Each structure stands twice: as structure tokens, then as C-alpha cells.
Amino acid sequence: MTLHLNPSETKKSAVLDEAHIGHIRGALGTIHHADHGPRIGFKRRLQTLLAILGPGLIVMVGDNDAGAFGTYTQAGQNYGTSLLWTLLLLVPVLYVNQEMVLRLGAVTGVGHARLIVERFGKFWGAFSVIDLFLLNALTIVTEFIGISLALSHLGVSRELGVALSAVVIMVAVGTGDFRRFERFALMLCAGSLVLIPIFVMIHPPIADVARDMFLVQMPKDGKLSEVMLLVIAIVGTTIAPWQLFFQQSYVIDKRITPRFIRYERVDLWLGIALVVIGAAAMMAFTAAVFAGRPEAGNFADAGAVAEGLGRYAGRLPGILFALALIDASVIGAAAVSLSTAYALGDVLSLKHSLHRKPSDAKGFYGVYFALIVVSAGLVLTPGAPLGLLTNAVQTLAGVLLPSATVFLLLLCNDEAVLGPWVNGRGMNLFTGAIVAVLVMLSIILTASVLFPEQTNETVILSILGGGSIATIAIAVATGALRTGRRTAHGAIGRHARDSWRMPPLHALPPAKLSMASRIWMSVLRCYLLLAGGLVLARIVALAVTH
């Protein structure tokens, strides 16, 4: 269905693709573009919520992908339920990061990569896109590795199954119908609930699960350095850079505007709930199944977990786990590939919308299809270092994540971009603390990859302690702890706030960066180039040796 828009409307908007303006045609309902009436009554609000549902659920469930299955089951198999507490600590981090990008998408109508180019220059824009492309390509490979492992457990031909999965992922996106794709994606989100019956069948001790969910502790058996690396892996697999780019662009493609941000926040909370439930279920039932078994403490991969479930808990739990792994890998591959295609479409000013057919957005769909085909082909290539690629994804994600969060924080404090929707001081303090923790974890991860023998408990504690002191000192020196924050827009009415949109990019004044921001961006640039380069060199050296 084509919507003919008033030309003046597109001129006043900052959106880069006119397909991003029009009716909201979600999987579960429609909101007409001209419908500006209030949402009064429970039924009306529920209908609106159903129409808006999608971006938050898809980005969160897509994050519980093949890599997440491996990381969560490794935690359960090697350390029982003692790391369950990490999931609750990640909930506010997940919400804050994704709430900021959904706000950016709804208010600006411009993707994350393009905003970085426009506000911080071509270097950072190019860096963000190249970084995203490389990391996402490796991530998509891990999704097909997950599919391959699950198919092996089910006794299905690996070659045929991976090829068919690639075709399904491409067909689901390439229909030229946004609603059709979203229905497919929400079906996969519902499929993630298969993990709950496995939890019920295995019935791990609820008291132990509840205790370890709320009690912060380190496993009694296990080196602190190894445990910390697994905690970092949990953070890296739960908070990934592709999520920021995907959700912002998907919110824009769904045509969500500021007046629906409150509904989109509910959608995000539902997605976070599914992520935590799925992750906790995997840790808990894996811990229960392998406790006291020879495999305890000897994690291999998600395929071996399926085999163990089938051996010790019965054939059905093993089959359901394999099906859940395929489901997670398919939605992960689709979402990660889309985040790359959206970002390149934004930066290169290509048509980039699921409302368009492949013939009308050749570059957008070409990038998407190429990523799927190459990744699936690599997994089927004999002798490919698949285990090394899986580790490379987690390592690079940990190194590069702080930069993504820094730019997100800067954009959400840019009044020219967000106007009355800029961050409050409380949000900035919390996000700043997140950035500090991510930087410390990134340094630990980089050191452990480059100097595995020297990265011991003393080094880790020194990095954490020194980083915490440095963070507090920087906060005091820059005045970040001072109260009060005024914006040029001041207090405005709800209606005016809900209708405020970012002006066209060419009409924005130059970004105002403080001296402190410029210094820290330069430090960040040097760190990323050094750490990223060294990690890549290490990975290439290991691949050549392999």
C-alpha cells in the first residue's frame, strides 16, 4: 500500500528515505498516519501497544542468539547457577542503552551511523560502519555455526540445513512487505519460549535459582581470571553494538514517532523480560543437568549441551534445545544483517526500508543477501576455523562496545538532535558509570587475549580498582556530579514534546563538544586503534597457525 505524502512534509523532516513516513503497519495492528487522536481507554491503548510491538522484542530476543546460547550454557555447565546475578545487573544497562536509541530513532528519523557522521565527522562515521560491518559479519557466521550444531544433534544434513536456513532468512526479509517480516520475526520471538518447557521438565532447585539470582557472588571453584572473562562474555553477548544500530533504524522503518515512545518503552521491557527469562532458564537447567557429571566444568559448545540434555534428561529436552538454538540463530542472523544494511543505507544515502521491494532498494538488499550467503558459505567451508571466529566475535565486541556507548551518550545530550528529549542528569550519571565499567572490562578482555599468561587476579583487581578511582576523579574534575541541568527548550507541554522532531540535517548547527569531550574522544580513538589492531593481529596469527 503506497501512501502519497505532502511534499512539504518530507522537506520538513530529517528522514533520509521517504518510505520511513506513513502508516504504522505492525504485525499486530495499524495506526494511520493522520491519526493524531488521544489514546483514551484500556482497549484503545492496548490496540496501540499491539500495533507498536516489535522493535524492542526483536532486538532483545535477537540478542539471545547462538553466541548467547553458548555463553549462558557455559556459565551453567562450568559454574552452576552462581553467575545468575549478572543477568539482573544487566537489566538496567539493557534498558538504558536501548531506550536511548529508540528515543533517537523516533525523534530524529535518522539512523545511528548517519548521526555519528553528521555530528562527529567522517572519521568516526567510517570507523563505526567499518567496525559494525566486520563485527556483524563475524557474528552472522556464529549464527550459522549454531544452526549447524543444532542440525547435527537432530540428525539433519548439515549442508542442506544451513543452505535452507539461509534461503528462509533471505526470503523472510526480501518480500518488500514490512508487516510480513515483522510477523515472521515475532513468531521467532514466541519460539524462544521453548526454553521454558525444558526448564519445567528438568525442574532445577527453585530455591537455589532464586538465591543465586539475587546474591552477588563468585564461583568457589574457578580462577578469578577465568570467571571474569566469562562475566565479560555475558556482558558482550547481552549488550552488543549491533543492537544500537538495529533498533534505531527499525524504529524509523516502522515509522514510530515521539508520541508513541511510551508504548515502545513497554515493548522494550517485554523484550528484556524474555531475554532474562531465557538466559536464566538456560543457566539453571544446564547447571542442574550437568551437576556431578563428567562434563561439569568442561564446556565444549551448544551442540554438546544438546547432546548432554538428551543423554541425562531425556530425548525431548535435547530436541527442544536444538530447535530453540535454530530459532535463536535465525532471528539473530536476520537482525544482525539488517543492522548492517540499515547502517550502510544511512551513510551512503541509499534507499533502505523493508517497505521497499528488492528491485526498489538494490543496495540495501544486496548487502543483506551478501552477508547471509558469505556467512553460510564460510560455515560450510571445510577446515574453516569456526571456533576461532566465535571467540573473535566476543573479543572484538568487548573491545568496541565502549565506543558505541560513548557516541550514544553524546548524541542523547545534543539538544540540536533531541531538543526536549535530551537526557536528564540522572540518566547521564548512570550511563557514564556504564561506560566506565565497559572500558574497564574491555581493558581486561584485551589484556587477557594479548597477554594470557600475565593477566592474573592481581592485574584484574588493579584494573578494576584503578579504573574506579579514575572514574570518580574525572567525574569530580568535570563537574559531572553537580546538580541541576537546564536546556534551551525548558519545560514544554506534553503535546509539544510529543510532536517535536529533529530538523533536517542540513539545518542543524555544528555539534558543540566540550574540551573534555574532545580529549576523551581522542583517547578513545587511540585506545580503539591500538587494542583493536592488536586483537585482530592476534586473531590472524592464530588463524594462520591453525
Protein backbone atom coordinates (compact mmCIF):
# COMPACT_ATOMS: atom_id res chain seq x y z
CA MET A 1 0.00 0.00 0.00
CA THR A 2 1.56 3.29 -1.11
CA LEU A 3 0.92 6.46 0.84
CA HIS A 4 1.14 9.70 -1.13
CA LEU A 5 2.68 12.30 1.17
CA ASN A 6 2.57 16.03 1.09
CA PRO A 7 5.95 17.17 -0.39
CA SER A 8 6.27 19.83 2.30
CA GLU A 9 6.12 17.12 4.96
CA THR A 10 9.18 15.31 3.64
CA LYS A 11 11.08 18.61 3.28
CA LYS A 12 10.49 19.47 6.95
CA SER A 13 11.56 16.00 8.06
CA ALA A 14 15.10 14.73 8.56
CA VAL A 15 14.26 11.22 7.31
CA LEU A 16 16.51 10.03 4.51
CA ASP A 17 14.08 7.60 2.86
CA GLU A 18 10.51 8.70 2.15
CA ALA A 19 9.35 5.13 2.82
CA HIS A 20 10.01 5.90 6.50
CA ILE A 21 6.98 8.21 6.62
CA GLY A 22 3.46 6.82 6.54
CA HIS A 23 1.10 4.43 8.31
CA ILE A 24 2.46 2.26 11.11
CA ARG A 25 1.65 -1.23 9.78
CA GLY A 26 2.83 -3.50 12.56
CA ALA A 27 2.43 -7.25 12.80
CA LEU A 28 -0.47 -6.91 15.23
CA GLY A 29 -2.20 -3.72 14.15
CA THR A 30 -2.22 -0.50 12.15
CA ILE A 31 -2.07 3.18 13.13
CA HIS A 32 -2.90 5.58 10.32
CA HIS A 33 -0.50 8.40 9.61
CA ALA A 34 -3.23 11.02 10.07
CA ASP A 35 -4.44 9.52 13.35
CA HIS A 36 -3.41 12.09 15.96
CA GLY A 37 -6.23 11.46 18.41
CA PRO A 38 -5.64 10.73 22.11
CA ARG A 39 -5.48 7.12 23.32
CA ILE A 40 -8.33 7.02 25.86
CA GLY A 41 -9.50 3.82 27.50
CA PHE A 42 -7.85 0.45 28.03
CA LYS A 43 -8.97 -1.04 24.71
CA ARG A 44 -7.64 1.88 22.67
CA ARG A 45 -4.29 1.82 24.46
CA LEU A 46 -3.99 -1.95 24.07
CA GLN A 47 -4.67 -1.68 20.33
CA THR A 48 -1.97 0.99 20.08
CA LEU A 49 0.50 -1.12 22.03
CA LEU A 50 -0.15 -4.16 19.83
CA ALA A 51 0.47 -2.07 16.70
CA ILE A 52 3.72 -0.69 18.14
CA LEU A 53 5.07 -4.03 19.44
CA GLY A 54 8.06 -5.30 17.54
CA PRO A 55 11.33 -3.33 17.72
CA GLY A 56 12.06 -4.00 21.40
CA LEU A 57 11.02 -7.64 21.29
CA ILE A 58 13.00 -8.40 18.13
CA VAL A 59 16.22 -6.64 19.19
CA MET A 60 16.20 -8.29 22.61
CA VAL A 61 15.26 -11.83 21.53
CA GLY A 62 17.67 -11.48 18.60
CA ASP A 63 20.38 -10.83 21.17
CA ASN A 64 19.72 -14.25 22.76
CA ASP A 65 21.35 -15.75 19.68
CA ALA A 66 23.77 -18.63 19.08
CA GLY A 67 26.60 -16.84 20.91
CA ALA A 68 24.33 -16.20 23.88
CA PHE A 69 23.27 -19.86 23.98
CA GLY A 70 26.92 -20.84 24.16
CA THR A 71 27.80 -18.27 26.82
CA TYR A 72 24.84 -18.89 29.15
CA THR A 73 25.12 -22.68 28.97
CA GLN A 74 28.86 -22.43 29.55
CA ALA A 75 28.17 -20.46 32.73
CA GLY A 76 25.67 -23.10 33.90
CA GLN A 77 27.76 -26.12 32.97
CA ASN A 78 31.03 -24.80 34.42
CA TYR A 79 29.86 -22.79 37.44
CA GLY A 80 26.30 -23.87 38.20
CA THR A 81 23.87 -21.07 38.99
CA SER A 82 26.45 -18.90 40.78
CA LEU A 83 26.54 -16.30 37.95
CA LEU A 84 22.77 -15.81 37.63
CA TRP A 85 23.09 -12.46 39.41
CA THR A 86 24.85 -11.00 36.35
CA LEU A 87 21.54 -11.10 34.46
CA LEU A 88 19.70 -8.87 36.92
CA LEU A 89 22.57 -6.39 36.98
CA LEU A 90 22.39 -6.17 33.18
CA VAL A 91 18.66 -5.33 33.12
CA PRO A 92 19.02 -1.57 33.81
CA VAL A 93 22.01 -1.43 31.44
CA LEU A 94 19.98 -3.06 28.67
CA TYR A 95 17.05 -0.71 29.23
CA VAL A 96 19.08 2.49 29.39
CA ASN A 97 21.08 1.74 26.23
CA GLN A 98 18.11 0.63 24.14
CA GLU A 99 15.78 3.34 25.47
CA MET A 100 18.24 5.97 24.29
CA VAL A 101 18.41 4.54 20.77
CA LEU A 102 14.65 4.13 20.44
CA ARG A 103 14.32 7.77 21.53
CA LEU A 104 16.91 8.81 18.94
CA GLY A 105 15.09 6.88 16.23
CA ALA A 106 11.62 8.19 17.00
CA VAL A 107 12.71 11.83 17.40
CA THR A 108 15.29 12.15 14.61
CA GLY A 109 14.14 9.76 11.87
CA VAL A 110 17.84 9.25 11.05
CA GLY A 111 19.91 6.11 11.67
CA HIS A 112 22.68 5.83 14.24
CA ALA A 113 25.58 5.67 11.77
CA ARG A 114 24.43 8.75 9.84
CA LEU A 115 24.04 10.78 13.03
CA ILE A 116 27.61 9.89 14.03
CA VAL A 117 28.87 11.04 10.61
CA GLU A 118 26.93 14.31 10.75
CA ARG A 119 27.72 15.23 14.36
CA PHE A 120 31.26 13.85 14.89
CA GLY A 121 32.81 13.75 11.43
CA LYS A 122 33.61 11.28 8.67
CA PHE A 123 36.39 9.54 10.58
CA TRP A 124 34.12 8.37 13.36
CA GLY A 125 31.32 7.64 10.91
CA ALA A 126 33.61 5.48 8.77
CA PHE A 127 35.06 3.85 11.88
CA SER A 128 31.61 2.99 13.25
CA VAL A 129 30.41 1.48 9.96
CA ILE A 130 33.61 -0.50 9.25
CA ASP A 131 33.66 -1.71 12.85
CA LEU A 132 29.98 -2.68 12.62
CA PHE A 133 30.41 -4.42 9.26
CA LEU A 134 33.37 -6.51 10.43
CA LEU A 135 31.90 -7.45 13.78
CA ASN A 136 28.46 -8.20 12.33
CA ALA A 137 29.91 -10.38 9.57
CA LEU A 138 31.68 -12.49 12.21
CA THR A 139 28.53 -12.58 14.35
CA ILE A 140 26.42 -13.87 11.45
CA VAL A 141 28.95 -16.66 10.95
CA THR A 142 28.41 -17.72 14.58
CA GLU A 143 24.64 -17.83 13.93
CA PHE A 144 25.16 -20.37 11.17
CA ILE A 145 27.57 -22.28 13.40
CA GLY A 146 24.70 -22.51 15.90
CA ILE A 147 22.34 -23.77 13.20
CA SER A 148 24.95 -26.34 12.13
CA LEU A 149 25.41 -27.64 15.70
CA ALA A 150 21.66 -27.94 16.24
CA LEU A 151 21.13 -29.75 12.94
CA SER A 152 23.87 -32.23 13.82
CA HIS A 153 22.03 -33.11 17.02
CA LEU A 154 18.75 -33.53 15.14
CA GLY A 155 20.42 -35.78 12.58
CA VAL A 156 19.70 -33.44 9.67
CA SER A 157 22.18 -32.92 6.82
CA ARG A 158 24.41 -30.00 7.83
CA GLU A 159 24.90 -28.76 4.27
CA LEU A 160 21.22 -28.95 3.34
CA GLY A 161 20.03 -27.48 6.63
CA VAL A 162 22.38 -24.47 6.59
CA ALA A 163 21.53 -23.75 2.94
CA LEU A 164 17.78 -23.95 3.61
CA SER A 165 18.14 -21.73 6.68
CA ALA A 166 19.97 -19.10 4.60
CA VAL A 167 17.19 -19.18 1.99
CA VAL A 168 14.49 -18.79 4.67
CA ILE A 169 16.31 -15.83 6.25
CA MET A 170 16.66 -14.10 2.87
CA VAL A 171 13.09 -14.79 1.74
CA ALA A 172 11.61 -13.56 5.05
CA VAL A 173 13.31 -10.17 4.62
CA GLY A 174 13.10 -9.82 0.84
CA THR A 175 9.31 -9.77 0.39
CA GLY A 176 9.09 -5.98 0.30
CA ASP A 177 6.40 -6.11 3.00
CA PHE A 178 7.39 -4.74 6.42
CA ARG A 179 4.41 -6.32 8.17
CA ARG A 180 5.19 -9.76 6.73
CA PHE A 181 8.74 -9.65 8.05
CA GLU A 182 7.62 -8.45 11.48
CA ARG A 183 5.11 -11.29 11.77
CA PHE A 184 7.87 -13.75 10.89
CA ALA A 185 10.19 -12.17 13.49
CA LEU A 186 7.52 -12.18 16.23
CA MET A 187 6.83 -15.86 15.52
CA LEU A 188 10.52 -16.49 16.19
CA CYS A 189 10.25 -14.42 19.39
CA ALA A 190 7.41 -16.68 20.52
CA GLY A 191 9.56 -19.69 19.60
CA SER A 192 12.16 -18.61 22.17
CA LEU A 193 9.66 -19.61 24.86
CA VAL A 194 10.51 -23.25 24.07
CA LEU A 195 13.21 -22.88 26.73
CA ILE A 196 10.53 -22.72 29.45
CA PRO A 197 9.22 -26.31 28.92
CA ILE A 198 12.84 -27.54 29.13
CA PHE A 199 13.21 -25.73 32.47
CA VAL A 200 9.94 -27.30 33.70
CA MET A 201 10.95 -30.82 32.60
CA ILE A 202 14.36 -30.61 34.28
CA HIS A 203 12.97 -28.65 37.29
CA PRO A 204 16.21 -27.29 38.80
CA PRO A 205 16.03 -26.39 42.53
CA ILE A 206 13.97 -23.19 42.62
CA ALA A 207 15.41 -22.12 45.98
CA ASP A 208 18.97 -22.26 44.62
CA VAL A 209 17.97 -20.41 41.47
CA ALA A 210 16.24 -17.64 43.46
CA ARG A 211 19.18 -17.30 45.87
CA ASP A 212 21.82 -17.05 43.15
CA MET A 213 19.70 -14.63 41.12
CA PHE A 214 19.79 -12.06 43.93
CA LEU A 215 23.06 -12.91 45.73
CA VAL A 216 26.20 -11.45 44.14
CA GLN A 217 29.00 -13.99 44.48
CA MET A 218 31.90 -15.51 42.58
CA PRO A 219 32.08 -19.28 41.94
CA LYS A 220 34.05 -21.05 44.66
CA ASP A 221 35.83 -23.32 42.19
CA GLY A 222 37.44 -21.50 39.34
CA LYS A 223 40.15 -18.91 38.82
CA LEU A 224 39.06 -15.30 39.15
CA SER A 225 40.63 -14.53 35.76
CA GLU A 226 38.60 -17.26 34.03
CA VAL A 227 35.40 -16.26 35.80
CA MET A 228 35.93 -12.60 34.90
CA LEU A 229 36.38 -13.49 31.24
CA LEU A 230 33.09 -15.38 31.33
CA VAL A 231 31.36 -12.42 33.02
CA ILE A 232 32.74 -10.18 30.26
CA ALA A 233 31.44 -12.66 27.68
CA ILE A 234 27.99 -12.47 29.29
CA VAL A 235 28.12 -8.67 29.09
CA GLY A 236 29.37 -8.77 25.49
CA THR A 237 26.73 -11.20 24.33
CA THR A 238 23.92 -9.36 26.15
CA ILE A 239 24.90 -5.81 25.15
CA ALA A 240 26.20 -5.83 21.58
CA PRO A 241 26.95 -2.83 19.29
CA TRP A 242 24.66 -4.12 16.51
CA GLN A 243 21.65 -3.70 18.83
CA LEU A 244 22.07 0.08 18.89
CA PHE A 245 22.16 0.39 15.11
CA PHE A 246 19.37 -2.12 14.53
CA GLN A 247 16.76 -0.78 16.93
CA GLN A 248 17.22 2.86 15.96
CA SER A 249 16.83 2.05 12.26
CA TYR A 250 13.98 -0.41 12.83
CA VAL A 251 12.03 2.15 14.88
CA ILE A 252 12.48 4.57 11.97
CA ASP A 253 11.47 1.97 9.38
CA LYS A 254 8.35 1.16 11.41
CA ARG A 255 7.53 4.89 11.29
CA ILE A 256 7.28 5.33 15.05
CA THR A 257 7.19 8.98 16.16
CA PRO A 258 7.75 10.61 19.59
CA ARG A 259 4.08 10.34 20.59
CA PHE A 260 4.47 6.53 20.70
CA ILE A 261 7.73 6.40 22.69
CA ARG A 262 5.88 5.40 25.87
CA TYR A 263 4.41 2.38 24.09
CA GLU A 264 7.77 1.48 22.60
CA ARG A 265 9.29 1.51 26.09
CA VAL A 266 6.74 -1.14 27.13
CA ASP A 267 7.74 -3.17 24.06
CA LEU A 268 11.38 -2.88 25.16
CA TRP A 269 10.59 -4.06 28.70
CA LEU A 270 8.77 -7.10 27.31
CA GLY A 271 11.84 -7.92 25.21
CA ILE A 272 14.16 -7.56 28.21
CA ALA A 273 11.90 -9.86 30.23
CA LEU A 274 12.12 -12.53 27.52
CA VAL A 275 15.92 -12.21 27.40
CA VAL A 276 16.34 -12.58 31.16
CA ILE A 277 13.85 -15.48 31.39
CA GLY A 278 15.56 -17.33 28.54
CA ALA A 279 19.08 -16.71 29.85
CA ALA A 280 18.18 -17.68 33.42
CA ALA A 281 16.42 -20.82 32.21
CA MET A 282 19.49 -21.90 30.22
CA MET A 283 21.89 -21.32 33.11
CA ALA A 284 19.59 -23.09 35.57
CA PHE A 285 18.67 -26.22 33.62
CA THR A 286 22.23 -26.64 32.32
CA ALA A 287 23.57 -26.40 35.88
CA ALA A 288 21.05 -28.99 37.09
CA VAL A 289 21.67 -31.48 34.26
CA PHE A 290 25.47 -31.43 34.40
CA ALA A 291 25.93 -31.20 38.19
CA GLY A 292 28.07 -34.14 39.29
CA ARG A 293 28.53 -35.35 35.70
CA PRO A 294 31.88 -35.78 33.93
CA GLU A 295 31.01 -32.84 31.64
CA ALA A 296 30.70 -30.40 34.57
CA GLY A 297 33.37 -27.73 34.20
CA ASN A 298 34.26 -28.93 30.70
CA PHE A 299 32.04 -26.91 28.38
CA ALA A 300 32.54 -27.61 24.67
CA ASP A 301 29.74 -25.91 22.69
CA ALA A 302 25.96 -25.58 22.46
CA GLY A 303 25.77 -28.77 20.39
CA ALA A 304 27.38 -30.74 23.21
CA VAL A 305 24.84 -29.21 25.61
CA ALA A 306 22.01 -30.56 23.45
CA GLU A 307 23.68 -33.97 23.49
CA GLY A 308 24.03 -33.83 27.28
CA LEU A 309 20.40 -32.82 27.75
CA GLY A 310 19.33 -35.74 25.59
CA ARG A 311 21.60 -38.15 27.47
CA TYR A 312 20.75 -37.16 31.05
CA ALA A 313 17.30 -35.51 30.89
CA GLY A 314 15.63 -37.35 28.02
CA ARG A 315 15.38 -37.11 24.26
CA LEU A 316 12.69 -34.40 24.23
CA PRO A 317 14.65 -31.71 26.17
CA GLY A 318 17.62 -32.22 23.82
CA ILE A 319 15.41 -31.85 20.74
CA LEU A 320 13.66 -28.76 22.13
CA PHE A 321 17.01 -27.15 22.96
CA ALA A 322 18.26 -27.77 19.42
CA LEU A 323 15.08 -26.26 17.97
CA ALA A 324 15.41 -23.24 20.29
CA LEU A 325 19.03 -22.83 19.12
CA ILE A 326 17.94 -22.83 15.46
CA ASP A 327 15.16 -20.34 16.24
CA ALA A 328 17.61 -18.03 18.06
CA SER A 329 20.21 -18.30 15.31
CA VAL A 330 17.73 -17.46 12.55
CA ILE A 331 16.36 -14.32 14.24
CA GLY A 332 19.90 -13.33 15.24
CA ALA A 333 21.21 -13.66 11.67
CA ALA A 334 18.28 -11.65 10.29
CA ALA A 335 18.57 -8.82 12.84
CA VAL A 336 22.38 -8.53 12.69
CA SER A 337 22.37 -8.50 8.87
CA LEU A 338 19.63 -5.87 8.83
CA SER A 339 21.58 -3.64 11.22
CA THR A 340 24.48 -3.61 8.74
CA ALA A 341 22.27 -2.99 5.70
CA TYR A 342 20.44 -0.17 7.50
CA ALA A 343 23.72 1.48 8.57
CA LEU A 344 25.24 1.39 5.09
CA GLY A 345 21.99 2.64 3.58
CA ASP A 346 22.03 5.56 6.01
CA VAL A 347 25.64 6.53 5.44
CA LEU A 348 25.58 6.08 1.64
CA SER A 349 22.10 7.68 1.26
CA LEU A 350 20.66 4.53 -0.33
CA LYS A 351 17.02 3.52 -0.21
CA HIS A 352 16.90 1.36 2.90
CA SER A 353 13.49 0.16 4.01
CA LEU A 354 11.67 -3.14 4.41
CA HIS A 355 8.67 -1.34 2.89
CA ARG A 356 10.54 -1.42 -0.43
CA LYS A 357 10.92 -4.43 -2.70
CA PRO A 358 14.44 -5.65 -3.61
CA SER A 359 14.09 -4.15 -7.10
CA ASP A 360 13.49 -0.74 -5.50
CA ALA A 361 16.34 -0.91 -2.94
CA LYS A 362 19.05 -2.96 -4.63
CA GLY A 363 21.95 -1.74 -2.48
CA PHE A 364 20.12 -2.31 0.81
CA TYR A 365 19.01 -5.85 -0.02
CA GLY A 366 22.29 -6.60 -1.81
CA VAL A 367 24.28 -6.00 1.39
CA TYR A 368 21.81 -8.11 3.38
CA PHE A 369 21.82 -11.06 0.96
CA ALA A 370 25.62 -10.95 0.53
CA LEU A 371 26.20 -11.16 4.29
CA ILE A 372 23.91 -14.19 4.59
CA VAL A 373 25.36 -16.02 1.59
CA VAL A 374 29.02 -15.44 2.51
CA SER A 375 28.48 -16.35 6.18
CA ALA A 376 26.60 -19.56 5.37
CA GLY A 377 29.23 -20.46 2.78
CA LEU A 378 32.06 -19.91 5.26
CA VAL A 379 30.46 -22.25 7.80
CA LEU A 380 30.21 -24.95 5.14
CA THR A 381 33.83 -24.47 4.02
CA PRO A 382 35.96 -27.45 5.12
CA GLY A 383 38.72 -26.51 7.55
CA ALA A 384 37.36 -23.05 8.40
CA PRO A 385 38.47 -22.01 11.95
CA LEU A 386 34.91 -21.77 13.30
CA GLY A 387 35.87 -21.96 16.96
CA LEU A 388 38.38 -19.15 16.48
CA LEU A 389 35.74 -17.00 14.74
CA THR A 390 33.34 -17.49 17.65
CA ASN A 391 35.97 -16.31 20.14
CA ALA A 392 36.89 -13.40 17.86
CA VAL A 393 33.32 -12.11 17.93
CA GLN A 394 33.19 -11.96 21.72
CA THR A 395 36.64 -10.37 21.94
CA LEU A 396 36.00 -7.66 19.34
CA ALA A 397 32.56 -6.91 20.78
CA GLY A 398 34.11 -6.36 24.20
CA VAL A 399 36.81 -4.07 22.77
CA LEU A 400 34.50 -1.98 20.58
CA LEU A 401 31.40 -1.69 22.79
CA PRO A 402 32.62 1.29 24.90
CA SER A 403 32.93 3.50 21.81
CA ALA A 404 29.37 2.73 20.72
CA THR A 405 28.03 3.67 24.17
CA VAL A 406 30.10 6.87 24.27
CA PHE A 407 28.63 8.13 20.99
CA LEU A 408 25.16 7.14 22.12
CA LEU A 409 25.59 9.22 25.28
CA LEU A 410 26.93 12.23 23.36
CA LEU A 411 24.07 12.12 20.84
CA CYS A 412 21.48 11.92 23.61
CA ASN A 413 22.92 15.13 25.10
CA ASP A 414 22.88 17.00 21.78
CA GLU A 415 19.99 19.48 22.01
CA ALA A 416 20.07 20.18 18.28
CA VAL A 417 19.34 16.48 17.73
CA LEU A 418 16.91 15.64 20.55
CA GLY A 419 15.57 19.01 21.70
CA PRO A 420 13.30 18.44 24.72
CA TRP A 421 14.08 14.70 24.60
CA VAL A 422 17.73 15.06 25.72
CA ASN A 423 18.99 13.02 28.68
CA GLY A 424 18.46 14.17 32.22
CA ARG A 425 21.35 14.35 34.68
CA GLY A 426 20.42 11.07 36.37
CA MET A 427 20.46 9.23 33.04
CA ASN A 428 23.85 10.77 32.20
CA LEU A 429 25.41 9.76 35.52
CA PHE A 430 24.13 6.20 35.19
CA THR A 431 25.24 5.89 31.57
CA GLY A 432 28.62 7.43 32.38
CA ALA A 433 29.12 4.78 35.06
CA ILE A 434 28.18 2.10 32.49
CA VAL A 435 30.76 3.47 30.06
CA ALA A 436 33.42 3.40 32.78
CA VAL A 437 32.64 -0.23 33.64
CA LEU A 438 32.61 -1.22 29.96
CA VAL A 439 36.00 0.41 29.42
CA MET A 440 37.47 -1.47 32.39
CA LEU A 441 36.02 -4.78 31.19
CA SER A 442 37.30 -4.04 27.69
CA ILE A 443 40.82 -3.44 29.00
CA ILE A 444 40.70 -6.69 30.99
CA LEU A 445 39.49 -8.60 27.94
CA THR A 446 42.13 -7.07 25.65
CA ALA A 447 44.89 -7.83 28.14
CA SER A 448 43.72 -11.44 28.56
CA VAL A 449 43.76 -12.02 24.79
CA LEU A 450 47.13 -10.39 24.19
CA PHE A 451 48.90 -11.48 27.38
CA PRO A 452 47.04 -14.56 28.69
CA GLU A 453 49.85 -15.70 30.99
CA GLN A 454 50.32 -12.32 32.67
CA THR A 455 46.61 -11.50 33.19
CA ASN A 456 46.05 -12.86 36.69
CA GLU A 457 43.84 -11.94 39.64
CA THR A 458 46.17 -9.14 40.76
CA VAL A 459 46.13 -7.48 37.33
CA ILE A 460 42.33 -7.73 37.09
CA LEU A 461 41.74 -6.27 40.55
CA SER A 462 44.26 -3.50 39.82
CA ILE A 463 42.42 -2.53 36.61
CA LEU A 464 39.04 -2.53 38.39
CA GLY A 465 40.34 -0.57 41.39
CA GLY A 466 42.37 1.93 39.39
CA GLY A 467 39.56 2.42 36.90
CA SER A 468 37.04 3.11 39.66
CA ILE A 469 39.29 5.72 41.28
CA ALA A 470 39.97 7.34 37.90
CA THR A 471 36.23 7.45 37.11
CA ILE A 472 35.39 9.23 40.37
CA ALA A 473 38.27 11.68 39.87
CA ILE A 474 37.14 12.50 36.32
CA ALA A 475 33.52 12.96 37.49
CA VAL A 476 34.64 15.42 40.17
CA ALA A 477 37.04 17.29 37.84
CA THR A 478 34.47 17.73 35.07
CA GLY A 479 31.66 18.72 37.42
CA ALA A 480 29.51 15.76 36.40
CA LEU A 481 28.22 15.39 39.96
CA ARG A 482 26.80 18.90 40.16
CA THR A 483 23.04 19.09 40.36
CA GLY A 484 20.74 20.93 38.02
CA ARG A 485 20.51 20.85 34.26
CA ARG A 486 18.86 23.41 32.02
CA THR A 487 18.07 23.03 28.36
CA ALA A 488 17.23 25.67 25.79
CA HIS A 489 13.75 24.20 25.47
CA GLY A 490 12.99 24.40 29.19
CA ALA A 491 9.72 22.84 30.35
CA ILE A 492 7.29 22.41 27.45
CA GLY A 493 3.88 20.83 27.27
CA ARG A 494 3.36 17.17 26.58
CA HIS A 495 1.73 17.76 23.21
CA ALA A 496 4.59 19.99 22.04
CA ARG A 497 7.13 17.44 23.23
CA ASP A 498 5.35 14.57 21.51
CA SER A 499 5.28 16.46 18.22
CA TRP A 500 8.90 17.72 18.32
CA ARG A 501 11.09 16.23 15.56
CA MET A 502 14.68 16.92 14.65
CA PRO A 503 15.03 19.43 11.78
CA PRO A 504 16.66 18.30 8.51
CA LEU A 505 20.36 17.50 8.93
CA HIS A 506 21.48 20.46 6.81
CA ALA A 507 19.61 22.83 9.14
CA LEU A 508 21.38 21.67 12.32
CA PRO A 509 24.03 23.91 13.88
CA PRO A 510 27.52 22.38 14.29
CA ALA A 511 27.88 19.99 17.21
CA LYS A 512 29.19 21.62 20.39
CA LEU A 513 31.77 19.43 22.07
CA SER A 514 33.47 20.49 25.28
CA MET A 515 37.24 20.32 25.61
CA ALA A 516 36.86 17.36 27.96
CA SER A 517 34.74 15.51 25.38
CA ARG A 518 37.31 16.17 22.64
CA ILE A 519 40.16 14.94 24.84
CA TRP A 520 38.34 11.75 25.79
CA MET A 521 37.32 11.11 22.18
CA SER A 522 40.98 11.36 21.18
CA VAL A 523 41.98 8.99 23.98
CA LEU A 524 39.22 6.62 22.93
CA ARG A 525 40.36 6.78 19.30
CA CYS A 526 43.93 5.85 20.24
CA TYR A 527 42.79 3.03 22.53
CA LEU A 528 40.45 1.52 19.93
CA LEU A 529 43.05 1.67 17.15
CA LEU A 530 45.72 0.11 19.38
CA ALA A 531 43.58 -2.52 21.13
CA GLY A 532 41.51 -3.40 18.07
CA GLY A 533 44.61 -3.66 15.89
CA LEU A 534 46.48 -5.84 18.38
CA VAL A 535 43.48 -8.14 18.89
CA LEU A 536 42.97 -8.52 15.13
CA ALA A 537 46.68 -9.26 14.68
CA ARG A 538 46.47 -11.90 17.39
CA ILE A 539 43.42 -13.49 15.76
CA VAL A 540 45.06 -13.55 12.32
CA ALA A 541 48.21 -15.11 13.80
CA LEU A 542 46.16 -17.84 15.48
CA ALA A 543 44.24 -18.45 12.24
CA VAL A 544 47.47 -18.85 10.28
CA THR A 545 48.81 -21.26 12.91
CA HIS A 546 45.52 -23.18 12.79
